All heavy atoms as atom14 arrays in JSON, in Angstrom:
{
  "sequence": "REIVVIAIASGFLALAAGRLGAHYLPFRLRPMYEPALRAFFPQAMVEE",
  "atom14_mask": [
    [1, 1, 1, 1, 1, 1, 1, 1, 1, 1, 1, 0, 0, 0],
    [1, 1, 1, 1, 1, 1, 1, 1, 1, 0, 0, 0, 0, 0],
    [1, 1, 1, 1, 1, 1, 1, 1, 0, 0, 0, 0, 0, 0],
    [1, 1, 1, 1, 1, 1, 1, 0, 0, 0, 0, 0, 0, 0],
    [1, 1, 1, 1, 1, 1, 1, 0, 0, 0, 0, 0, 0, 0],
    [1, 1, 1, 1, 1, 1, 1, 1, 0, 0, 0, 0, 0, 0],
    [1, 1, 1, 1, 1, 0, 0, 0, 0, 0, 0, 0, 0, 0],
    [1, 1, 1, 1, 1, 1, 1, 1, 0, 0, 0, 0, 0, 0],
    [1, 1, 1, 1, 1, 0, 0, 0, 0, 0, 0, 0, 0, 0],
    [1, 1, 1, 1, 1, 1, 0, 0, 0, 0, 0, 0, 0, 0],
    [1, 1, 1, 1, 0, 0, 0, 0, 0, 0, 0, 0, 0, 0],
    [1, 1, 1, 1, 1, 1, 1, 1, 1, 1, 1, 0, 0, 0],
    [1, 1, 1, 1, 1, 1, 1, 1, 0, 0, 0, 0, 0, 0],
    [1, 1, 1, 1, 1, 0, 0, 0, 0, 0, 0, 0, 0, 0],
    [1, 1, 1, 1, 1, 1, 1, 1, 0, 0, 0, 0, 0, 0],
    [1, 1, 1, 1, 1, 0, 0, 0, 0, 0, 0, 0, 0, 0],
    [1, 1, 1, 1, 1, 0, 0, 0, 0, 0, 0, 0, 0, 0],
    [1, 1, 1, 1, 0, 0, 0, 0, 0, 0, 0, 0, 0, 0],
    [1, 1, 1, 1, 1, 1, 1, 1, 1, 1, 1, 0, 0, 0],
    [1, 1, 1, 1, 1, 1, 1, 1, 0, 0, 0, 0, 0, 0],
    [1, 1, 1, 1, 0, 0, 0, 0, 0, 0, 0, 0, 0, 0],
    [1, 1, 1, 1, 1, 0, 0, 0, 0, 0, 0, 0, 0, 0],
    [1, 1, 1, 1, 1, 1, 1, 1, 1, 1, 0, 0, 0, 0],
    [1, 1, 1, 1, 1, 1, 1, 1, 1, 1, 1, 1, 0, 0],
    [1, 1, 1, 1, 1, 1, 1, 1, 0, 0, 0, 0, 0, 0],
    [1, 1, 1, 1, 1, 1, 1, 0, 0, 0, 0, 0, 0, 0],
    [1, 1, 1, 1, 1, 1, 1, 1, 1, 1, 1, 0, 0, 0],
    [1, 1, 1, 1, 1, 1, 1, 1, 1, 1, 1, 0, 0, 0],
    [1, 1, 1, 1, 1, 1, 1, 1, 0, 0, 0, 0, 0, 0],
    [1, 1, 1, 1, 1, 1, 1, 1, 1, 1, 1, 0, 0, 0],
    [1, 1, 1, 1, 1, 1, 1, 0, 0, 0, 0, 0, 0, 0],
    [1, 1, 1, 1, 1, 1, 1, 1, 0, 0, 0, 0, 0, 0],
    [1, 1, 1, 1, 1, 1, 1, 1, 1, 1, 1, 1, 0, 0],
    [1, 1, 1, 1, 1, 1, 1, 1, 1, 0, 0, 0, 0, 0],
    [1, 1, 1, 1, 1, 1, 1, 0, 0, 0, 0, 0, 0, 0],
    [1, 1, 1, 1, 1, 0, 0, 0, 0, 0, 0, 0, 0, 0],
    [1, 1, 1, 1, 1, 1, 1, 1, 0, 0, 0, 0, 0, 0],
    [1, 1, 1, 1, 1, 1, 1, 1, 1, 1, 1, 0, 0, 0],
    [1, 1, 1, 1, 1, 0, 0, 0, 0, 0, 0, 0, 0, 0],
    [1, 1, 1, 1, 1, 1, 1, 1, 1, 1, 1, 0, 0, 0],
    [1, 1, 1, 1, 1, 1, 1, 1, 1, 1, 1, 0, 0, 0],
    [1, 1, 1, 1, 1, 1, 1, 0, 0, 0, 0, 0, 0, 0],
    [1, 1, 1, 1, 1, 1, 1, 1, 1, 0, 0, 0, 0, 0],
    [1, 1, 1, 1, 1, 0, 0, 0, 0, 0, 0, 0, 0, 0],
    [1, 1, 1, 1, 1, 1, 1, 1, 0, 0, 0, 0, 0, 0],
    [1, 1, 1, 1, 1, 1, 1, 0, 0, 0, 0, 0, 0, 0],
    [1, 1, 1, 1, 1, 1, 1, 1, 1, 0, 0, 0, 0, 0],
    [1, 1, 1, 1, 1, 1, 1, 1, 1, 0, 0, 0, 0, 0]
  ],
  "atom14_positions": [
    [[-25.11, -4.01, 1.61], [-25.12, -4.89, 0.48], [-23.86, -4.63, -0.43], [-23.26, -5.62, -0.92], [-26.34, -4.9, -0.35], [-27.52, -5.49, 0.39], [-28.67, -5.73, -0.4], [-29.67, -6.57, 0.33], [-30.74, -7.11, -0.28], [-31.11, -6.82, -1.58], [-31.62, -7.74, 0.48], [0.0, 0.0, 0.0], [0.0, 0.0, 0.0], [0.0, 0.0, 0.0]],
    [[-23.49, -3.39, -0.61], [-22.26, -3.06, -1.4], [-21.03, -3.61, -0.63], [-20.19, -4.2, -1.27], [-22.18, -1.55, -1.53], [-23.1, -0.91, -2.56], [-22.88, 0.54, -2.64], [-22.09, 1.15, -1.9], [-23.5, 1.18, -3.59], [0.0, 0.0, 0.0], [0.0, 0.0, 0.0], [0.0, 0.0, 0.0], [0.0, 0.0, 0.0], [0.0, 0.0, 0.0]],
    [[-21.0, -3.51, 0.66], [-19.96, -4.04, 1.45], [-19.85, -5.51, 1.38], [-18.78, -6.19, 1.31], [-20.05, -3.56, 2.93], [-19.87, -1.99, 3.08], [-19.11, -4.33, 3.87], [-20.13, -1.58, 4.46], [0.0, 0.0, 0.0], [0.0, 0.0, 0.0], [0.0, 0.0, 0.0], [0.0, 0.0, 0.0], [0.0, 0.0, 0.0], [0.0, 0.0, 0.0]],
    [[-21.05, -6.23, 1.37], [-21.04, -7.71, 1.15], [-20.35, -8.05, -0.16], [-19.63, -9.0, -0.22], [-22.47, -8.23, 1.32], [-22.45, -9.7, 0.93], [-22.99, -8.03, 2.79], [0.0, 0.0, 0.0], [0.0, 0.0, 0.0], [0.0, 0.0, 0.0], [0.0, 0.0, 0.0], [0.0, 0.0, 0.0], [0.0, 0.0, 0.0], [0.0, 0.0, 0.0]],
    [[-20.83, -7.36, -1.18], [-20.23, -7.69, -2.54], [-18.74, -7.48, -2.51], [-18.07, -8.36, -3.09], [-20.96, -6.77, -3.62], [-20.16, -6.94, -4.96], [-22.39, -7.11, -3.79], [0.0, 0.0, 0.0], [0.0, 0.0, 0.0], [0.0, 0.0, 0.0], [0.0, 0.0, 0.0], [0.0, 0.0, 0.0], [0.0, 0.0, 0.0], [0.0, 0.0, 0.0]],
    [[-18.29, -6.41, -1.92], [-16.84, -6.08, -1.91], [-16.11, -7.13, -1.06], [-15.0, -7.49, -1.29], [-16.69, -4.66, -1.35], [-17.1, -3.7, -2.4], [-15.17, -4.41, -1.04], [-16.47, -3.8, -3.8], [0.0, 0.0, 0.0], [0.0, 0.0, 0.0], [0.0, 0.0, 0.0], [0.0, 0.0, 0.0], [0.0, 0.0, 0.0], [0.0, 0.0, 0.0]],
    [[-16.81, -7.6, 0.11], [-16.06, -8.63, 0.98], [-15.89, -9.84, 0.19], [-14.86, -10.49, 0.33], [-16.98, -8.84, 2.17], [0.0, 0.0, 0.0], [0.0, 0.0, 0.0], [0.0, 0.0, 0.0], [0.0, 0.0, 0.0], [0.0, 0.0, 0.0], [0.0, 0.0, 0.0], [0.0, 0.0, 0.0], [0.0, 0.0, 0.0], [0.0, 0.0, 0.0]],
    [[-16.94, -10.29, -0.66], [-16.66, -11.5, -1.47], [-15.58, -11.23, -2.48], [-14.74, -12.1, -2.71], [-18.03, -11.81, -2.13], [-19.06, -12.24, -1.11], [-17.86, -13.05, -3.14], [-18.78, -13.55, -0.37], [0.0, 0.0, 0.0], [0.0, 0.0, 0.0], [0.0, 0.0, 0.0], [0.0, 0.0, 0.0], [0.0, 0.0, 0.0], [0.0, 0.0, 0.0]],
    [[-15.67, -10.07, -3.27], [-14.66, -9.84, -4.2], [-13.32, -9.71, -3.56], [-12.37, -10.16, -4.16], [-15.04, -8.5, -4.97], [0.0, 0.0, 0.0], [0.0, 0.0, 0.0], [0.0, 0.0, 0.0], [0.0, 0.0, 0.0], [0.0, 0.0, 0.0], [0.0, 0.0, 0.0], [0.0, 0.0, 0.0], [0.0, 0.0, 0.0], [0.0, 0.0, 0.0]],
    [[-13.22, -9.09, -2.43], [-11.95, -8.95, -1.75], [-11.41, -10.35, -1.27], [-10.21, -10.6, -1.31], [-11.96, -8.08, -0.52], [-12.39, -6.83, -0.85], [0.0, 0.0, 0.0], [0.0, 0.0, 0.0], [0.0, 0.0, 0.0], [0.0, 0.0, 0.0], [0.0, 0.0, 0.0], [0.0, 0.0, 0.0], [0.0, 0.0, 0.0], [0.0, 0.0, 0.0]],
    [[-12.32, -11.26, -0.91], [-11.84, -12.53, -0.52], [-11.31, -13.36, -1.73], [-10.23, -13.9, -1.51], [0.0, 0.0, 0.0], [0.0, 0.0, 0.0], [0.0, 0.0, 0.0], [0.0, 0.0, 0.0], [0.0, 0.0, 0.0], [0.0, 0.0, 0.0], [0.0, 0.0, 0.0], [0.0, 0.0, 0.0], [0.0, 0.0, 0.0], [0.0, 0.0, 0.0]],
    [[-11.99, -13.27, -2.86], [-11.42, -13.89, -4.06], [-10.03, -13.25, -4.4], [-9.09, -13.93, -4.85], [-12.39, -13.88, -5.2], [-13.45, -14.92, -5.13], [-14.71, -14.6, -4.76], [-13.11, -16.24, -5.36], [-15.72, -15.53, -4.69], [-14.14, -17.2, -5.35], [-15.37, -16.92, -4.95], [0.0, 0.0, 0.0], [0.0, 0.0, 0.0], [0.0, 0.0, 0.0]],
    [[-9.91, -11.94, -4.35], [-8.72, -11.26, -4.67], [-7.67, -11.57, -3.72], [-6.49, -11.88, -4.15], [-8.98, -9.79, -4.61], [-7.81, -8.84, -5.06], [-7.34, -9.15, -6.5], [-8.17, -7.4, -4.94], [0.0, 0.0, 0.0], [0.0, 0.0, 0.0], [0.0, 0.0, 0.0], [0.0, 0.0, 0.0], [0.0, 0.0, 0.0], [0.0, 0.0, 0.0]],
    [[-7.95, -11.74, -2.37], [-6.98, -12.09, -1.47], [-6.48, -13.53, -1.7], [-5.31, -13.75, -1.55], [-7.54, -12.0, -0.01], [0.0, 0.0, 0.0], [0.0, 0.0, 0.0], [0.0, 0.0, 0.0], [0.0, 0.0, 0.0], [0.0, 0.0, 0.0], [0.0, 0.0, 0.0], [0.0, 0.0, 0.0], [0.0, 0.0, 0.0], [0.0, 0.0, 0.0]],
    [[-7.47, -14.43, -2.02], [-7.05, -15.82, -2.28], [-6.07, -15.87, -3.46], [-5.11, -16.56, -3.37], [-8.35, -16.66, -2.46], [-8.09, -18.16, -2.6], [-7.51, -18.72, -1.48], [-9.46, -18.87, -2.98], [0.0, 0.0, 0.0], [0.0, 0.0, 0.0], [0.0, 0.0, 0.0], [0.0, 0.0, 0.0], [0.0, 0.0, 0.0], [0.0, 0.0, 0.0]],
    [[-6.41, -15.17, -4.47], [-5.58, -15.14, -5.68], [-4.21, -14.54, -5.42], [-3.19, -15.09, -5.83], [-6.28, -14.45, -6.87], [0.0, 0.0, 0.0], [0.0, 0.0, 0.0], [0.0, 0.0, 0.0], [0.0, 0.0, 0.0], [0.0, 0.0, 0.0], [0.0, 0.0, 0.0], [0.0, 0.0, 0.0], [0.0, 0.0, 0.0], [0.0, 0.0, 0.0]],
    [[-4.21, -13.43, -4.65], [-2.98, -12.83, -4.27], [-2.12, -13.73, -3.43], [-0.86, -13.75, -3.55], [-3.28, -11.47, -3.57], [0.0, 0.0, 0.0], [0.0, 0.0, 0.0], [0.0, 0.0, 0.0], [0.0, 0.0, 0.0], [0.0, 0.0, 0.0], [0.0, 0.0, 0.0], [0.0, 0.0, 0.0], [0.0, 0.0, 0.0], [0.0, 0.0, 0.0]],
    [[-2.8, -14.45, -2.47], [-2.04, -15.35, -1.72], [-1.4, -16.5, -2.44], [-0.28, -16.8, -2.2], [0.0, 0.0, 0.0], [0.0, 0.0, 0.0], [0.0, 0.0, 0.0], [0.0, 0.0, 0.0], [0.0, 0.0, 0.0], [0.0, 0.0, 0.0], [0.0, 0.0, 0.0], [0.0, 0.0, 0.0], [0.0, 0.0, 0.0], [0.0, 0.0, 0.0]],
    [[-2.05, -17.01, -3.43], [-1.55, -18.04, -4.3], [-0.36, -17.51, -5.11], [0.68, -18.25, -5.24], [-2.65, -18.62, -5.25], [-3.88, -19.14, -4.59], [-3.57, -20.61, -4.04], [-4.8, -21.22, -3.67], [-5.13, -21.65, -2.44], [-4.31, -21.31, -1.47], [-6.28, -22.26, -2.18], [0.0, 0.0, 0.0], [0.0, 0.0, 0.0], [0.0, 0.0, 0.0]],
    [[-0.59, -16.34, -5.73], [0.53, -15.68, -6.52], [1.73, -15.43, -5.59], [2.89, -15.67, -6.01], [0.08, -14.44, -7.15], [-1.07, -14.63, -8.29], [-1.55, -13.33, -8.76], [-0.37, -15.43, -9.44], [0.0, 0.0, 0.0], [0.0, 0.0, 0.0], [0.0, 0.0, 0.0], [0.0, 0.0, 0.0], [0.0, 0.0, 0.0], [0.0, 0.0, 0.0]],
    [[1.46, -14.94, -4.37], [2.59, -14.59, -3.51], [3.39, -15.93, -3.14], [4.6, -15.84, -3.07], [0.0, 0.0, 0.0], [0.0, 0.0, 0.0], [0.0, 0.0, 0.0], [0.0, 0.0, 0.0], [0.0, 0.0, 0.0], [0.0, 0.0, 0.0], [0.0, 0.0, 0.0], [0.0, 0.0, 0.0], [0.0, 0.0, 0.0], [0.0, 0.0, 0.0]],
    [[2.65, -16.92, -2.84], [3.28, -18.18, -2.45], [4.08, -18.77, -3.7], [5.14, -19.45, -3.44], [2.25, -19.27, -2.08], [0.0, 0.0, 0.0], [0.0, 0.0, 0.0], [0.0, 0.0, 0.0], [0.0, 0.0, 0.0], [0.0, 0.0, 0.0], [0.0, 0.0, 0.0], [0.0, 0.0, 0.0], [0.0, 0.0, 0.0], [0.0, 0.0, 0.0]],
    [[3.75, -18.41, -4.86], [4.35, -18.94, -6.08], [5.52, -18.09, -6.43], [6.62, -18.58, -6.88], [3.37, -18.96, -7.24], [4.01, -19.56, -8.45], [4.26, -20.95, -8.67], [4.42, -19.0, -9.65], [4.73, -21.18, -9.81], [4.92, -20.07, -10.43], [0.0, 0.0, 0.0], [0.0, 0.0, 0.0], [0.0, 0.0, 0.0], [0.0, 0.0, 0.0]],
    [[5.46, -16.78, -6.33], [6.51, -15.87, -6.89], [7.4, -15.29, -5.84], [8.52, -14.8, -6.15], [5.85, -14.65, -7.6], [5.2, -15.13, -8.95], [3.82, -15.29, -9.13], [6.01, -15.52, -10.06], [3.34, -15.72, -10.27], [5.38, -15.99, -11.25], [4.19, -16.09, -11.37], [3.63, -16.47, -12.57], [0.0, 0.0, 0.0], [0.0, 0.0, 0.0]],
    [[6.98, -15.23, -4.52], [7.88, -14.68, -3.47], [8.85, -15.75, -3.23], [8.71, -16.91, -3.49], [7.09, -14.42, -2.26], [6.13, -13.14, -2.35], [5.31, -12.97, -1.14], [6.91, -11.9, -2.64], [0.0, 0.0, 0.0], [0.0, 0.0, 0.0], [0.0, 0.0, 0.0], [0.0, 0.0, 0.0], [0.0, 0.0, 0.0], [0.0, 0.0, 0.0]],
    [[10.01, -15.45, -2.5], [11.0, -16.4, -2.17], [10.34, -17.59, -1.29], [9.56, -17.36, -0.43], [11.92, -15.57, -1.32], [11.91, -14.26, -1.75], [10.44, -14.07, -2.16], [0.0, 0.0, 0.0], [0.0, 0.0, 0.0], [0.0, 0.0, 0.0], [0.0, 0.0, 0.0], [0.0, 0.0, 0.0], [0.0, 0.0, 0.0], [0.0, 0.0, 0.0]],
    [[10.7, -18.83, -1.73], [10.12, -20.04, -1.2], [10.48, -20.07, 0.37], [11.58, -19.92, 0.72], [10.5, -21.29, -1.87], [9.89, -22.55, -1.37], [8.67, -22.84, -1.7], [10.68, -23.34, -0.44], [8.06, -24.05, -1.18], [10.06, -24.46, 0.05], [8.74, -24.86, -0.37], [0.0, 0.0, 0.0], [0.0, 0.0, 0.0], [0.0, 0.0, 0.0]],
    [[9.45, -20.44, 1.17], [9.67, -20.62, 2.54], [9.05, -22.03, 2.96], [7.84, -22.17, 2.91], [8.98, -19.51, 3.38], [9.38, -19.51, 4.83], [8.76, -18.43, 5.61], [9.42, -18.15, 6.87], [9.02, -17.38, 7.88], [7.82, -16.76, 7.75], [9.79, -17.12, 8.9], [0.0, 0.0, 0.0], [0.0, 0.0, 0.0], [0.0, 0.0, 0.0]],
    [[9.97, -22.95, 3.33], [9.48, -24.26, 3.76], [8.63, -24.11, 4.98], [8.96, -23.45, 5.89], [10.66, -25.16, 3.97], [10.39, -26.62, 4.15], [9.77, -27.28, 2.86], [11.67, -27.4, 4.59], [0.0, 0.0, 0.0], [0.0, 0.0, 0.0], [0.0, 0.0, 0.0], [0.0, 0.0, 0.0], [0.0, 0.0, 0.0], [0.0, 0.0, 0.0]],
    [[7.63, -24.98, 5.04], [6.71, -24.93, 6.13], [7.44, -25.52, 7.35], [8.23, -26.41, 7.23], [5.44, -25.73, 5.84], [4.56, -25.05, 4.76], [3.35, -25.84, 4.42], [2.62, -25.32, 3.31], [1.6, -24.37, 3.4], [1.25, -24.02, 4.6], [1.1, -23.86, 2.28], [0.0, 0.0, 0.0], [0.0, 0.0, 0.0], [0.0, 0.0, 0.0]],
    [[7.11, -24.99, 8.54], [7.78, -25.4, 9.73], [7.8, -26.94, 9.97], [8.8, -27.52, 10.4], [7.04, -24.74, 10.91], [6.44, -23.57, 10.21], [6.09, -23.9, 8.82], [0.0, 0.0, 0.0], [0.0, 0.0, 0.0], [0.0, 0.0, 0.0], [0.0, 0.0, 0.0], [0.0, 0.0, 0.0], [0.0, 0.0, 0.0], [0.0, 0.0, 0.0]],
    [[6.66, -27.58, 9.65], [6.54, -29.05, 9.88], [7.49, -29.81, 9.06], [7.77, -31.02, 9.35], [5.13, -29.5, 9.7], [4.64, -29.38, 8.21], [2.8, -29.67, 8.14], [2.7, -31.38, 8.72], [0.0, 0.0, 0.0], [0.0, 0.0, 0.0], [0.0, 0.0, 0.0], [0.0, 0.0, 0.0], [0.0, 0.0, 0.0], [0.0, 0.0, 0.0]],
    [[8.08, -29.18, 7.97], [9.02, -29.93, 7.08], [10.47, -29.48, 7.28], [11.35, -29.86, 6.71], [8.65, -29.78, 5.67], [7.23, -30.37, 5.34], [6.28, -29.62, 4.68], [6.95, -31.71, 5.66], [5.03, -30.21, 4.43], [5.79, -32.3, 5.41], [4.79, -31.52, 4.84], [3.56, -32.03, 4.56], [0.0, 0.0, 0.0], [0.0, 0.0, 0.0]],
    [[10.55, -28.41, 8.1], [11.88, -27.84, 8.4], [12.73, -28.78, 9.27], [12.33, -29.03, 10.48], [11.73, -26.39, 9.11], [13.04, -25.73, 9.28], [13.81, -25.46, 8.03], [13.3, -24.8, 7.11], [15.04, -25.86, 7.94], [0.0, 0.0, 0.0], [0.0, 0.0, 0.0], [0.0, 0.0, 0.0], [0.0, 0.0, 0.0], [0.0, 0.0, 0.0]],
    [[13.87, -29.32, 8.84], [14.66, -30.22, 9.71], [14.92, -29.73, 11.12], [14.86, -30.5, 12.11], [15.87, -30.45, 8.88], [15.56, -30.2, 7.44], [14.5, -29.1, 7.57], [0.0, 0.0, 0.0], [0.0, 0.0, 0.0], [0.0, 0.0, 0.0], [0.0, 0.0, 0.0], [0.0, 0.0, 0.0], [0.0, 0.0, 0.0], [0.0, 0.0, 0.0]],
    [[15.33, -28.48, 11.18], [15.59, -27.87, 12.5], [14.41, -27.8, 13.44], [14.59, -27.69, 14.7], [16.26, -26.52, 12.35], [0.0, 0.0, 0.0], [0.0, 0.0, 0.0], [0.0, 0.0, 0.0], [0.0, 0.0, 0.0], [0.0, 0.0, 0.0], [0.0, 0.0, 0.0], [0.0, 0.0, 0.0], [0.0, 0.0, 0.0], [0.0, 0.0, 0.0]],
    [[13.2, -27.84, 12.89], [12.04, -27.63, 13.71], [11.18, -28.95, 13.83], [10.16, -28.95, 14.51], [11.11, -26.5, 13.13], [11.69, -25.15, 13.13], [10.77, -24.14, 12.47], [12.1, -24.67, 14.55], [0.0, 0.0, 0.0], [0.0, 0.0, 0.0], [0.0, 0.0, 0.0], [0.0, 0.0, 0.0], [0.0, 0.0, 0.0], [0.0, 0.0, 0.0]],
    [[11.7, -29.97, 13.11], [10.81, -31.2, 13.08], [10.48, -31.73, 14.45], [9.38, -32.31, 14.61], [11.49, -32.26, 12.18], [10.72, -33.55, 11.96], [11.42, -34.51, 11.06], [11.57, -33.96, 9.74], [10.62, -34.07, 8.81], [9.5, -34.68, 9.08], [10.74, -33.59, 7.64], [0.0, 0.0, 0.0], [0.0, 0.0, 0.0], [0.0, 0.0, 0.0]],
    [[11.36, -31.71, 15.33], [11.11, -32.29, 16.73], [10.01, -31.57, 17.44], [9.52, -32.13, 18.35], [12.47, -32.18, 17.53], [0.0, 0.0, 0.0], [0.0, 0.0, 0.0], [0.0, 0.0, 0.0], [0.0, 0.0, 0.0], [0.0, 0.0, 0.0], [0.0, 0.0, 0.0], [0.0, 0.0, 0.0], [0.0, 0.0, 0.0], [0.0, 0.0, 0.0]],
    [[9.65, -30.34, 17.02], [8.55, -29.71, 17.74], [7.22, -30.25, 17.34], [6.25, -29.96, 18.1], [8.61, -28.22, 17.38], [9.76, -27.48, 18.02], [10.53, -26.68, 17.27], [9.91, -27.58, 19.38], [11.59, -25.93, 17.91], [11.0, -26.83, 20.01], [11.73, -25.97, 19.24], [0.0, 0.0, 0.0], [0.0, 0.0, 0.0], [0.0, 0.0, 0.0]],
    [[7.05, -30.89, 16.2], [5.75, -31.23, 15.69], [5.52, -32.73, 15.72], [6.35, -33.48, 15.21], [5.58, -30.63, 14.29], [5.8, -29.21, 14.24], [6.87, -28.65, 13.69], [4.76, -28.32, 14.79], [7.1, -27.23, 13.64], [4.97, -26.99, 14.72], [6.1, -26.5, 14.14], [0.0, 0.0, 0.0], [0.0, 0.0, 0.0], [0.0, 0.0, 0.0]],
    [[4.37, -33.14, 16.18], [3.95, -34.47, 16.0], [3.48, -34.78, 14.59], [3.36, -33.82, 13.81], [2.79, -34.68, 17.02], [2.19, -33.27, 17.04], [3.34, -32.31, 16.97], [0.0, 0.0, 0.0], [0.0, 0.0, 0.0], [0.0, 0.0, 0.0], [0.0, 0.0, 0.0], [0.0, 0.0, 0.0], [0.0, 0.0, 0.0], [0.0, 0.0, 0.0]],
    [[3.22, -36.01, 14.17], [2.72, -36.26, 12.9], [1.25, -35.9, 12.87], [0.31, -36.67, 12.99], [2.79, -37.76, 12.64], [4.31, -38.23, 12.42], [5.08, -37.44, 11.39], [4.53, -37.34, 10.23], [6.28, -37.04, 11.64], [0.0, 0.0, 0.0], [0.0, 0.0, 0.0], [0.0, 0.0, 0.0], [0.0, 0.0, 0.0], [0.0, 0.0, 0.0]],
    [[1.02, -34.66, 12.53], [-0.35, -34.06, 12.43], [-1.05, -34.61, 11.16], [-0.52, -34.69, 10.15], [-0.31, -32.62, 12.42], [0.0, 0.0, 0.0], [0.0, 0.0, 0.0], [0.0, 0.0, 0.0], [0.0, 0.0, 0.0], [0.0, 0.0, 0.0], [0.0, 0.0, 0.0], [0.0, 0.0, 0.0], [0.0, 0.0, 0.0], [0.0, 0.0, 0.0]],
    [[-2.24, -35.05, 11.39], [-3.11, -35.57, 10.35], [-3.86, -34.43, 9.68], [-4.99, -34.11, 9.95], [-4.09, -36.64, 10.7], [-3.41, -37.83, 11.31], [-2.39, -38.67, 10.13], [-3.62, -39.21, 9.02], [0.0, 0.0, 0.0], [0.0, 0.0, 0.0], [0.0, 0.0, 0.0], [0.0, 0.0, 0.0], [0.0, 0.0, 0.0], [0.0, 0.0, 0.0]],
    [[-3.25, -33.62, 8.81], [-3.78, -32.4, 8.17], [-4.1, -32.85, 6.67], [-3.17, -33.14, 5.97], [-2.89, -31.25, 8.21], [-3.5, -30.06, 7.54], [-2.53, -30.91, 9.7], [0.0, 0.0, 0.0], [0.0, 0.0, 0.0], [0.0, 0.0, 0.0], [0.0, 0.0, 0.0], [0.0, 0.0, 0.0], [0.0, 0.0, 0.0], [0.0, 0.0, 0.0]],
    [[-5.34, -32.77, 6.32], [-5.73, -33.16, 5.03], [-5.61, -32.02, 3.99], [-6.58, -31.52, 3.48], [-7.18, -33.65, 5.11], [-7.41, -34.82, 6.1], [-8.93, -35.17, 6.25], [-9.66, -34.51, 5.57], [-9.16, -36.11, 6.93], [0.0, 0.0, 0.0], [0.0, 0.0, 0.0], [0.0, 0.0, 0.0], [0.0, 0.0, 0.0], [0.0, 0.0, 0.0]],
    [[-4.41, -31.72, 3.71], [-4.13, -30.73, 2.69], [-3.0, -31.13, 1.74], [-1.93, -31.6, 2.29], [-3.83, -29.36, 3.31], [-4.92, -28.76, 4.04], [-4.76, -27.26, 4.38], [-4.22, -26.61, 3.42], [-5.18, -26.82, 5.37], [0.0, 0.0, 0.0], [0.0, 0.0, 0.0], [0.0, 0.0, 0.0], [0.0, 0.0, 0.0], [0.0, 0.0, 0.0]]
  ]
}
């Protein structure tokens, strides 16, 4: 049960760290929007 509590806490910490990393680390454009890679991807219907 301690491990379950830590797993949940780690999940929230990881989510927060991921958001902060995406904001403060050097920006990296997603492949689907990268002009050099656009031909590789169809128009995917991703609801995000």
